[in-house]
Amino acid sequence: MAKHRAIPPEFMTVSEMAKKMGVTVRTLQYYDKAGLLSPSAESEGGRRLYTDKDLVTLHQIMSLKSLGFSLDDIKQRLISLRTPDAVANANGGL
């Protein structure tokens, strides 16, 4: 995880992410602990920082959960967004 002194505009805190997506901070912490969604970076003060790619991953998790998939199943089905090729091929994985 990268470290940053101040929070750059391309990052959001755990509370900002939770508010945007309508989940609790505790849910995001649980998904991190379960290995489903880890923050993209951490501030120098230890704050978890998320990006828009993390928002997309959380949306995938929430969508699969609403379809009845278990968290273990979701972990196996998440579409990787780590590389430009993975993003370009994402719609073929659904």
PDB file of N, CA and C in Angstrom:
ATOM      1  N   MET A   1       0.837  -1.159   0.000  1.00  0.00           N
ATOM      2  CA  MET A   1       0.000   0.000   0.000  1.00  0.00           C
ATOM      3  C   MET A   1       0.895   1.239   0.000  1.00  0.00           C
ATOM      4  N   ALA A   2       0.645   2.178  -0.888  1.00  0.00           N
ATOM      5  CA  ALA A   2       1.421   3.408  -0.957  1.00  0.00           C
ATOM      6  C   ALA A   2       1.081   4.311   0.228  1.00  0.00           C
ATOM      7  N   LYS A   3       2.051   5.148   0.626  1.00  0.00           N
ATOM      8  CA  LYS A   3       1.815   6.096   1.725  1.00  0.00           C
ATOM      9  C   LYS A   3       1.795   7.512   1.141  1.00  0.00           C
ATOM     10  N   HIS A   4       0.916   8.363   1.646  1.00  0.00           N
ATOM     11  CA  HIS A   4       0.792   9.745   1.196  1.00  0.00           C
ATOM     12  C   HIS A   4       0.750  10.663   2.409  1.00  0.00           C
ATOM     13  N   ARG A   5       1.362  11.864   2.293  1.00  0.00           N
ATOM     14  CA  ARG A   5       1.358  12.838   3.388  1.00  0.00           C
ATOM     15  C   ARG A   5      -0.016  13.479   3.545  1.00  0.00           C
ATOM     16  N   ALA A   6      -0.545  14.062   2.495  1.00  0.00           N
ATOM     17  CA  ALA A   6      -1.888  14.648   2.518  1.00  0.00           C
ATOM     18  C   ALA A   6      -2.757  13.794   1.605  1.00  0.00           C
ATOM     19  N   ILE A   7      -4.054  13.910   1.749  1.00  0.00           N
ATOM     20  CA  ILE A   7      -4.942  13.088   0.927  1.00  0.00           C
ATOM     21  C   ILE A   7      -5.118  13.756  -0.434  1.00  0.00           C
ATOM     22  N   PRO A   8      -4.549  13.162  -1.484  1.00  0.00           N
ATOM     23  CA  PRO A   8      -4.693  13.719  -2.832  1.00  0.00           C
ATOM     24  C   PRO A   8      -6.149  13.640  -3.290  1.00  0.00           C
ATOM     25  N   PRO A   9      -6.535  14.498  -4.227  1.00  0.00           N
ATOM     26  CA  PRO A   9      -7.941  14.543  -4.652  1.00  0.00           C
ATOM     27  C   PRO A   9      -8.451  13.257  -5.306  1.00  0.00           C
ATOM     28  N   GLU A  10      -7.566  12.428  -5.823  1.00  0.00           N
ATOM     29  CA  GLU A  10      -8.011  11.190  -6.469  1.00  0.00           C
ATOM     30  C   GLU A  10      -8.331  10.075  -5.469  1.00  0.00           C
ATOM     31  N   PHE A  11      -8.129  10.352  -4.191  1.00  0.00           N
ATOM     32  CA  PHE A  11      -8.420   9.375  -3.141  1.00  0.00           C
ATOM     33  C   PHE A  11      -9.579   9.848  -2.282  1.00  0.00           C
ATOM     34  N   MET A  12     -10.254   8.890  -1.646  1.00  0.00           N
ATOM     35  CA  MET A  12     -11.296   9.210  -0.677  1.00  0.00           C
ATOM     36  C   MET A  12     -11.061   8.368   0.568  1.00  0.00           C
ATOM     37  N   THR A  13     -11.496   8.907   1.692  1.00  0.00           N
ATOM     38  CA  THR A  13     -11.340   8.188   2.957  1.00  0.00           C
ATOM     39  C   THR A  13     -12.395   7.086   3.052  1.00  0.00           C
ATOM     40  N   VAL A  14     -12.243   6.246   4.041  1.00  0.00           N
ATOM     41  CA  VAL A  14     -13.190   5.151   4.249  1.00  0.00           C
ATOM     42  C   VAL A  14     -14.596   5.695   4.504  1.00  0.00           C
ATOM     43  N   SER A  15     -14.701   6.793   5.238  1.00  0.00           N
ATOM     44  CA  SER A  15     -16.032   7.339   5.511  1.00  0.00           C
ATOM     45  C   SER A  15     -16.642   7.953   4.254  1.00  0.00           C
ATOM     46  N   GLU A  16     -15.829   8.590   3.409  1.00  0.00           N
ATOM     47  CA  GLU A  16     -16.340   9.132   2.145  1.00  0.00           C
ATOM     48  C   GLU A  16     -16.812   8.011   1.225  1.00  0.00           C
ATOM     49  N   MET A  17     -16.026   6.947   1.168  1.00  0.00           N
ATOM     50  CA  MET A  17     -16.385   5.792   0.336  1.00  0.00           C
ATOM     51  C   MET A  17     -17.699   5.169   0.842  1.00  0.00           C
ATOM     52  N   ALA A  18     -17.805   4.996   2.144  1.00  0.00           N
ATOM     53  CA  ALA A  18     -19.002   4.390   2.722  1.00  0.00           C
ATOM     54  C   ALA A  18     -20.233   5.242   2.410  1.00  0.00           C
ATOM     55  N   LYS A  19     -20.106   6.542   2.563  1.00  0.00           N
ATOM     56  CA  LYS A  19     -21.230   7.444   2.312  1.00  0.00           C
ATOM     57  C   LYS A  19     -21.647   7.404   0.843  1.00  0.00           C
ATOM     58  N   LYS A  20     -20.668   7.431  -0.063  1.00  0.00           N
ATOM     59  CA  LYS A  20     -20.971   7.385  -1.499  1.00  0.00           C
ATOM     60  C   LYS A  20     -21.728   6.136  -1.900  1.00  0.00           C
ATOM     61  N   MET A  21     -21.375   5.019  -1.277  1.00  0.00           N
ATOM     62  CA  MET A  21     -21.937   3.732  -1.689  1.00  0.00           C
ATOM     63  C   MET A  21     -23.065   3.238  -0.790  1.00  0.00           C
ATOM     64  N   GLY A  22     -23.387   3.973   0.252  1.00  0.00           N
ATOM     65  CA  GLY A  22     -24.496   3.592   1.113  1.00  0.00           C
ATOM     66  C   GLY A  22     -24.239   2.364   1.967  1.00  0.00           C
ATOM     67  N   VAL A  23     -22.993   2.213   2.401  1.00  0.00           N
ATOM     68  CA  VAL A  23     -22.634   1.114   3.300  1.00  0.00           C
ATOM     69  C   VAL A  23     -22.013   1.719   4.553  1.00  0.00           C
ATOM     70  N   THR A  24     -21.768   0.894   5.535  1.00  0.00           N
ATOM     71  CA  THR A  24     -21.135   1.383   6.760  1.00  0.00           C
ATOM     72  C   THR A  24     -19.619   1.265   6.653  1.00  0.00           C
ATOM     73  N   VAL A  25     -18.944   2.061   7.473  1.00  0.00           N
ATOM     74  CA  VAL A  25     -17.482   1.967   7.563  1.00  0.00           C
ATOM     75  C   VAL A  25     -17.111   0.557   8.009  1.00  0.00           C
ATOM     76  N   ARG A  26     -17.877   0.012   8.924  1.00  0.00           N
ATOM     77  CA  ARG A  26     -17.626  -1.350   9.421  1.00  0.00           C
ATOM     78  C   ARG A  26     -17.684  -2.376   8.292  1.00  0.00           C
ATOM     79  N   THR A  27     -18.612  -2.201   7.349  1.00  0.00           N
ATOM     80  CA  THR A  27     -18.706  -3.113   6.207  1.00  0.00           C
ATOM     81  C   THR A  27     -17.427  -3.067   5.391  1.00  0.00           C
ATOM     82  N   LEU A  28     -16.917  -1.866   5.136  1.00  0.00           N
ATOM     83  CA  LEU A  28     -15.672  -1.737   4.366  1.00  0.00           C
ATOM     84  C   LEU A  28     -14.506  -2.374   5.116  1.00  0.00           C
ATOM     85  N   GLN A  29     -14.473  -2.194   6.431  1.00  0.00           N
ATOM     86  CA  GLN A  29     -13.414  -2.820   7.231  1.00  0.00           C
ATOM     87  C   GLN A  29     -13.524  -4.339   7.164  1.00  0.00           C
ATOM     88  N   TYR A  30     -14.747  -4.844   7.201  1.00  0.00           N
ATOM     89  CA  TYR A  30     -14.966  -6.290   7.118  1.00  0.00           C
ATOM     90  C   TYR A  30     -14.531  -6.833   5.756  1.00  0.00           C
ATOM     91  N   TYR A  31     -14.881  -6.143   4.684  1.00  0.00           N
ATOM     92  CA  TYR A  31     -14.483  -6.587   3.344  1.00  0.00           C
ATOM     93  C   TYR A  31     -12.961  -6.570   3.200  1.00  0.00           C
ATOM     94  N   ASP A  32     -12.303  -5.612   3.824  1.00  0.00           N
ATOM     95  CA  ASP A  32     -10.837  -5.569   3.805  1.00  0.00           C
ATOM     96  C   ASP A  32     -10.284  -6.786   4.539  1.00  0.00           C
ATOM     97  N   LYS A  33     -10.801  -7.050   5.723  1.00  0.00           N
ATOM     98  CA  LYS A  33     -10.330  -8.191   6.520  1.00  0.00           C
ATOM     99  C   LYS A  33     -10.584  -9.519   5.800  1.00  0.00           C
ATOM    100  N   ALA A  34     -11.703  -9.599   5.066  1.00  0.00           N
ATOM    101  CA  ALA A  34     -12.063 -10.818   4.342  1.00  0.00           C
ATOM    102  C   ALA A  34     -11.299 -10.968   3.027  1.00  0.00           C
ATOM    103  N   GLY A  35     -10.530  -9.955   2.646  1.00  0.00           N
ATOM    104  CA  GLY A  35      -9.756 -10.031   1.415  1.00  0.00           C
ATOM    105  C   GLY A  35     -10.546  -9.716   0.158  1.00  0.00           C
ATOM    106  N   LEU A  36     -11.691  -9.067   0.307  1.00  0.00           N
ATOM    107  CA  LEU A  36     -12.517  -8.714  -0.847  1.00  0.00           C
ATOM    108  C   LEU A  36     -12.169  -7.346  -1.414  1.00  0.00           C
ATOM    109  N   LEU A  37     -11.898  -6.393  -0.548  1.00  0.00           N
ATOM    110  CA  LEU A  37     -11.657  -5.016  -0.986  1.00  0.00           C
ATOM    111  C   LEU A  37     -10.687  -4.343  -0.033  1.00  0.00           C
ATOM    112  N   SER A  38      -9.460  -4.212  -0.476  1.00  0.00           N
ATOM    113  CA  SER A  38      -8.460  -3.524   0.330  1.00  0.00           C
ATOM    114  C   SER A  38      -8.285  -2.106  -0.185  1.00  0.00           C
ATOM    115  N   PRO A  39      -7.975  -1.167   0.708  1.00  0.00           N
ATOM    116  CA  PRO A  39      -7.739   0.205   0.266  1.00  0.00           C
ATOM    117  C   PRO A  39      -6.564   0.252  -0.711  1.00  0.00           C
ATOM    118  N   SER A  40      -6.600   1.191  -1.649  1.00  0.00           N
ATOM    119  CA  SER A  40      -5.524   1.325  -2.623  1.00  0.00           C
ATOM    120  C   SER A  40      -4.289   1.970  -2.031  1.00  0.00           C
ATOM    121  N   ALA A  41      -4.464   2.756  -0.970  1.00  0.00           N
ATOM    122  CA  ALA A  41      -3.336   3.463  -0.363  1.00  0.00           C
ATOM    123  C   ALA A  41      -3.645   3.732   1.104  1.00  0.00           C
ATOM    124  N   GLU A  42      -2.648   4.268   1.771  1.00  0.00           N
ATOM    125  CA  GLU A  42      -2.799   4.643   3.175  1.00  0.00           C
ATOM    126  C   GLU A  42      -2.079   5.964   3.366  1.00  0.00           C
ATOM    127  N   SER A  43      -2.712   6.881   4.084  1.00  0.00           N
ATOM    128  CA  SER A  43      -2.078   8.166   4.359  1.00  0.00           C
ATOM    129  C   SER A  43      -0.956   7.964   5.376  1.00  0.00           C
ATOM    130  N   GLU A  44      -0.123   8.966   5.509  1.00  0.00           N
ATOM    131  CA  GLU A  44       0.962   8.891   6.481  1.00  0.00           C
ATOM    132  C   GLU A  44       0.418   8.687   7.891  1.00  0.00           C
ATOM    133  N   GLY A  45      -0.766   9.221   8.158  1.00  0.00           N
ATOM    134  CA  GLY A  45      -1.396   9.074   9.465  1.00  0.00           C
ATOM    135  C   GLY A  45      -2.133   7.761   9.636  1.00  0.00           C
ATOM    136  N   GLY A  46      -2.103   6.889   8.616  1.00  0.00           N
ATOM    137  CA  GLY A  46      -2.721   5.580   8.725  1.00  0.00           C
ATOM    138  C   GLY A  46      -4.159   5.501   8.239  1.00  0.00           C
ATOM    139  N   ARG A  47      -4.671   6.559   7.606  1.00  0.00           N
ATOM    140  CA  ARG A  47      -6.045   6.527   7.095  1.00  0.00           C
ATOM    141  C   ARG A  47      -6.100   5.697   5.819  1.00  0.00           C
ATOM    142  N   ARG A  48      -7.124   4.873   5.712  1.00  0.00           N
ATOM    143  CA  ARG A  48      -7.324   4.049   4.514  1.00  0.00           C
ATOM    144  C   ARG A  48      -7.856   4.934   3.398  1.00  0.00           C
ATOM    145  N   LEU A  49      -7.265   4.788   2.215  1.00  0.00           N
ATOM    146  CA  LEU A  49      -7.658   5.620   1.083  1.00  0.00           C
ATOM    147  C   LEU A  49      -8.111   4.751  -0.079  1.00  0.00           C
ATOM    148  N   TYR A  50      -9.231   5.133  -0.673  1.00  0.00           N
ATOM    149  CA  TYR A  50      -9.838   4.393  -1.771  1.00  0.00           C
ATOM    150  C   TYR A  50      -9.864   5.235  -3.035  1.00  0.00           C
ATOM    151  N   THR A  51      -9.938   4.558  -4.184  1.00  0.00           N
ATOM    152  CA  THR A  51      -9.991   5.211  -5.488  1.00  0.00           C
ATOM    153  C   THR A  51     -11.308   4.866  -6.190  1.00  0.00           C
ATOM    154  N   ASP A  52     -11.497   5.453  -7.358  1.00  0.00           N
ATOM    155  CA  ASP A  52     -12.685   5.131  -8.150  1.00  0.00           C
ATOM    156  C   ASP A  52     -12.706   3.657  -8.551  1.00  0.00           C
ATOM    157  N   LYS A  53     -11.542   3.060  -8.777  1.00  0.00           N
ATOM    158  CA  LYS A  53     -11.505   1.618  -9.077  1.00  0.00           C
ATOM    159  C   LYS A  53     -12.039   0.804  -7.902  1.00  0.00           C
ATOM    160  N   ASP A  54     -11.750   1.261  -6.700  1.00  0.00           N
ATOM    161  CA  ASP A  54     -12.274   0.593  -5.508  1.00  0.00           C
ATOM    162  C   ASP A  54     -13.793   0.723  -5.436  1.00  0.00           C
ATOM    163  N   LEU A  55     -14.324   1.864  -5.878  1.00  0.00           N
ATOM    164  CA  LEU A  55     -15.777   2.041  -5.946  1.00  0.00           C
ATOM    165  C   LEU A  55     -16.400   1.005  -6.872  1.00  0.00           C
ATOM    166  N   VAL A  56     -15.758   0.785  -8.018  1.00  0.00           N
ATOM    167  CA  VAL A  56     -16.267  -0.198  -8.987  1.00  0.00           C
ATOM    168  C   VAL A  56     -16.229  -1.600  -8.379  1.00  0.00           C
ATOM    169  N   THR A  57     -15.148  -1.916  -7.687  1.00  0.00           N
ATOM    170  CA  THR A  57     -15.044  -3.228  -7.038  1.00  0.00           C
ATOM    171  C   THR A  57     -16.122  -3.384  -5.977  1.00  0.00           C
ATOM    172  N   LEU A  58     -16.353  -2.344  -5.175  1.00  0.00           N
ATOM    173  CA  LEU A  58     -17.401  -2.405  -4.165  1.00  0.00           C
ATOM    174  C   LEU A  58     -18.763  -2.576  -4.826  1.00  0.00           C
ATOM    175  N   HIS A  59     -18.969  -1.922  -5.937  1.00  0.00           N
ATOM    176  CA  HIS A  59     -20.239  -2.076  -6.657  1.00  0.00           C
ATOM    177  C   HIS A  59     -20.407  -3.524  -7.110  1.00  0.00           C
ATOM    178  N   GLN A  60     -19.335  -4.159  -7.599  1.00  0.00           N
ATOM    179  CA  GLN A  60     -19.391  -5.570  -7.979  1.00  0.00           C
ATOM    180  C   GLN A  60     -19.792  -6.428  -6.778  1.00  0.00           C
ATOM    181  N   ILE A  61     -19.144  -6.173  -5.641  1.00  0.00           N
ATOM    182  CA  ILE A  61     -19.424  -6.948  -4.430  1.00  0.00           C
ATOM    183  C   ILE A  61     -20.896  -6.811  -4.039  1.00  0.00           C
ATOM    184  N   MET A  62     -21.380  -5.575  -4.026  1.00  0.00           N
ATOM    185  CA  MET A  62     -22.758  -5.324  -3.632  1.00  0.00           C
ATOM    186  C   MET A  62     -23.748  -5.961  -4.607  1.00  0.00           C
ATOM    187  N   SER A  63     -23.437  -5.900  -5.893  1.00  0.00           N
ATOM    188  CA  SER A  63     -24.322  -6.496  -6.903  1.00  0.00           C
ATOM    189  C   SER A  63     -24.383  -8.008  -6.754  1.00  0.00           C
ATOM    190  N   LEU A  64     -23.230  -8.646  -6.597  1.00  0.00           N
ATOM    191  CA  LEU A  64     -23.198 -10.099  -6.448  1.00  0.00           C
ATOM    192  C   LEU A  64     -23.864 -10.532  -5.140  1.00  0.00           C
ATOM    193  N   LYS A  65     -23.663  -9.730  -4.089  1.00  0.00           N
ATOM    194  CA  LYS A  65     -24.302 -10.031  -2.805  1.00  0.00           C
ATOM    195  C   LYS A  65     -25.823  -9.959  -2.937  1.00  0.00           C
ATOM    196  N   SER A  66     -26.306  -8.961  -3.683  1.00  0.00           N
ATOM    197  CA  SER A  66     -27.758  -8.822  -3.856  1.00  0.00           C
ATOM    198  C   SER A  66     -28.346  -9.969  -4.673  1.00  0.00           C
ATOM    199  N   LEU A  67     -27.502 -10.643  -5.447  1.00  0.00           N
ATOM    200  CA  LEU A  67     -27.946 -11.805  -6.224  1.00  0.00           C
ATOM    201  C   LEU A  67     -27.874 -13.095  -5.409  1.00  0.00           C
ATOM    202  N   GLY A  68     -27.416 -12.991  -4.171  1.00  0.00           N
ATOM    203  CA  GLY A  68     -27.405 -14.150  -3.284  1.00  0.00           C
ATOM    204  C   GLY A  68     -26.086 -14.888  -3.184  1.00  0.00           C
ATOM    205  N   PHE A  69     -25.029 -14.360  -3.770  1.00  0.00           N
ATOM    206  CA  PHE A  69     -23.729 -15.025  -3.683  1.00  0.00           C
ATOM    207  C   PHE A  69     -23.126 -14.831  -2.295  1.00  0.00           C
ATOM    208  N   SER A  70     -22.439 -15.853  -1.817  1.00  0.00           N
ATOM    209  CA  SER A  70     -21.734 -15.744  -0.537  1.00  0.00           C
ATOM    210  C   SER A  70     -20.461 -14.922  -0.758  1.00  0.00           C
ATOM    211  N   LEU A  71     -19.875 -14.440   0.337  1.00  0.00           N
ATOM    212  CA  LEU A  71     -18.642 -13.664   0.204  1.00  0.00           C
ATOM    213  C   LEU A  71     -17.519 -14.502  -0.384  1.00  0.00           C
ATOM    214  N   ASP A  72     -17.479 -15.798  -0.064  1.00  0.00           N
ATOM    215  CA  ASP A  72     -16.468 -16.684  -0.659  1.00  0.00           C
ATOM    216  C   ASP A  72     -16.666 -16.792  -2.164  1.00  0.00           C
ATOM    217  N   ASP A  73     -17.931 -16.933  -2.604  1.00  0.00           N
ATOM    218  CA  ASP A  73     -18.222 -16.986  -4.040  1.00  0.00           C
ATOM    219  C   ASP A  73     -17.857 -15.667  -4.711  1.00  0.00           C
ATOM    220  N   ILE A  74     -18.178 -14.569  -4.053  1.00  0.00           N
ATOM    221  CA  ILE A  74     -17.887 -13.245  -4.622  1.00  0.00           C
ATOM    222  C   ILE A  74     -16.393 -13.074  -4.818  1.00  0.00           C
ATOM    223  N   LYS A  75     -15.612 -13.521  -3.847  1.00  0.00           N
ATOM    224  CA  LYS A  75     -14.152 -13.399  -3.946  1.00  0.00           C
ATOM    225  C   LYS A  75     -13.636 -14.086  -5.216  1.00  0.00           C
ATOM    226  N   GLN A  76     -14.256 -15.200  -5.581  1.00  0.00           N
ATOM    227  CA  GLN A  76     -13.841 -15.947  -6.777  1.00  0.00           C
ATOM    228  C   GLN A  76     -14.329 -15.292  -8.068  1.00  0.00           C
ATOM    229  N   ARG A  77     -15.382 -14.505  -7.994  1.00  0.00           N
ATOM    230  CA  ARG A  77     -16.013 -13.947  -9.193  1.00  0.00           C
ATOM    231  C   ARG A  77     -15.646 -12.496  -9.498  1.00  0.00           C
ATOM    232  N   LEU A  78     -14.963 -11.824  -8.588  1.00  0.00           N
ATOM    233  CA  LEU A  78     -14.633 -10.417  -8.820  1.00  0.00           C
ATOM    234  C   LEU A  78     -13.776 -10.262 -10.067  1.00  0.00           C
ATOM    235  N   ILE A  79     -14.102  -9.254 -10.839  1.00  0.00           N
ATOM    236  CA  ILE A  79     -13.349  -8.956 -12.055  1.00  0.00           C
ATOM    237  C   ILE A  79     -12.190  -8.047 -11.672  1.00  0.00           C
ATOM    238  N   SER A  80     -10.989  -8.448 -12.039  1.00  0.00           N
ATOM    239  CA  SER A  80      -9.808  -7.655 -11.725  1.00  0.00           C
ATOM    240  C   SER A  80      -9.806  -6.360 -12.538  1.00  0.00           C
ATOM    241  N   LEU A  81      -9.439  -5.278 -11.875  1.00  0.00           N
ATOM    242  CA  LEU A  81      -9.333  -3.983 -12.545  1.00  0.00           C
ATOM    243  C   LEU A  81      -7.927  -3.417 -12.372  1.00  0.00           C
ATOM    244  N   ARG A  82      -6.954  -4.303 -12.205  1.00  0.00           N
ATOM    245  CA  ARG A  82      -5.589  -3.868 -11.900  1.00  0.00           C
ATOM    246  C   ARG A  82      -4.802  -3.376 -13.109  1.00  0.00           C
ATOM    247  N   THR A  83      -5.150  -3.837 -14.291  1.00  0.00           N
ATOM    248  CA  THR A  83      -4.422  -3.416 -15.488  1.00  0.00           C
ATOM    249  C   THR A  83      -5.408  -2.873 -16.520  1.00  0.00           C
ATOM    250  N   PRO A  84      -4.929  -2.040 -17.450  1.00  0.00           N
ATOM    251  CA  PRO A  84      -5.818  -1.540 -18.503  1.00  0.00           C
ATOM    252  C   PRO A  84      -6.446  -2.670 -19.324  1.00  0.00           C
ATOM    253  N   ASP A  85      -5.709  -3.735 -19.579  1.00  0.00           N
ATOM    254  CA  ASP A  85      -6.255  -4.877 -20.323  1.00  0.00           C
ATOM    255  C   ASP A  85      -7.394  -5.539 -19.553  1.00  0.00           C
ATOM    256  N   ALA A  86      -7.235  -5.660 -18.233  1.00  0.00           N
ATOM    257  CA  ALA A  86      -8.282  -6.275 -17.412  1.00  0.00           C
ATOM    258  C   ALA A  86      -9.548  -5.431 -17.451  1.00  0.00           C
ATOM    259  N   VAL A  87      -9.391  -4.110 -17.400  1.00  0.00           N
ATOM    260  CA  VAL A  87     -10.547  -3.223 -17.463  1.00  0.00           C
ATOM    261  C   VAL A  87     -11.217  -3.336 -18.830  1.00  0.00           C
ATOM    262  N   ALA A  88     -10.418  -3.364 -19.896  1.00  0.00           N
ATOM    263  CA  ALA A  88     -10.961  -3.447 -21.257  1.00  0.00           C
ATOM    264  C   ALA A  88     -11.725  -4.748 -21.473  1.00  0.00           C
ATOM    265  N   ASN A  89     -11.299  -5.828 -20.816  1.00  0.00           N
ATOM    266  CA  ASN A  89     -11.928  -7.137 -20.995  1.00  0.00           C
ATOM    267  C   ASN A  89     -12.982  -7.446 -19.929  1.00  0.00           C
ATOM    268  N   ALA A  90     -13.283  -6.482 -19.055  1.00  0.00           N
ATOM    269  CA  ALA A  90     -14.177  -6.736 -17.926  1.00  0.00           C
ATOM    270  C   ALA A  90     -15.557  -7.179 -18.349  1.00  0.00           C
ATOM    271  N   ASN A  91     -16.124  -6.613 -19.406  1.00  0.00           N
ATOM    272  CA  ASN A  91     -17.495  -6.987 -19.774  1.00  0.00           C
ATOM    273  C   ASN A  91     -17.575  -8.407 -20.318  1.00  0.00           C
ATOM    274  N   GLY A  92     -16.471  -8.973 -20.741  1.00  0.00           N
ATOM    275  CA  GLY A  92     -16.473 -10.350 -21.206  1.00  0.00           C
ATOM    276  C   GLY A  92     -16.484 -11.351 -20.084  1.00  0.00           C
ATOM    277  N   GLY A  93     -16.189 -10.891 -18.847  1.00  0.00           N
ATOM    278  CA  GLY A  93     -16.130 -11.796 -17.697  1.00  0.00           C
ATOM    279  C   GLY A  93     -17.452 -11.970 -16.995  1.00  0.00           C
ATOM    280  N   LEU A  94     -18.469 -11.235 -17.403  1.00  0.00           N
ATOM    281  CA  LEU A  94     -19.764 -11.350 -16.727  1.00  0.00           C
ATOM    282  C   LEU A  94     -20.678 -12.310 -17.422  1.00  0.00           C
TER     283      LEU A  94
END
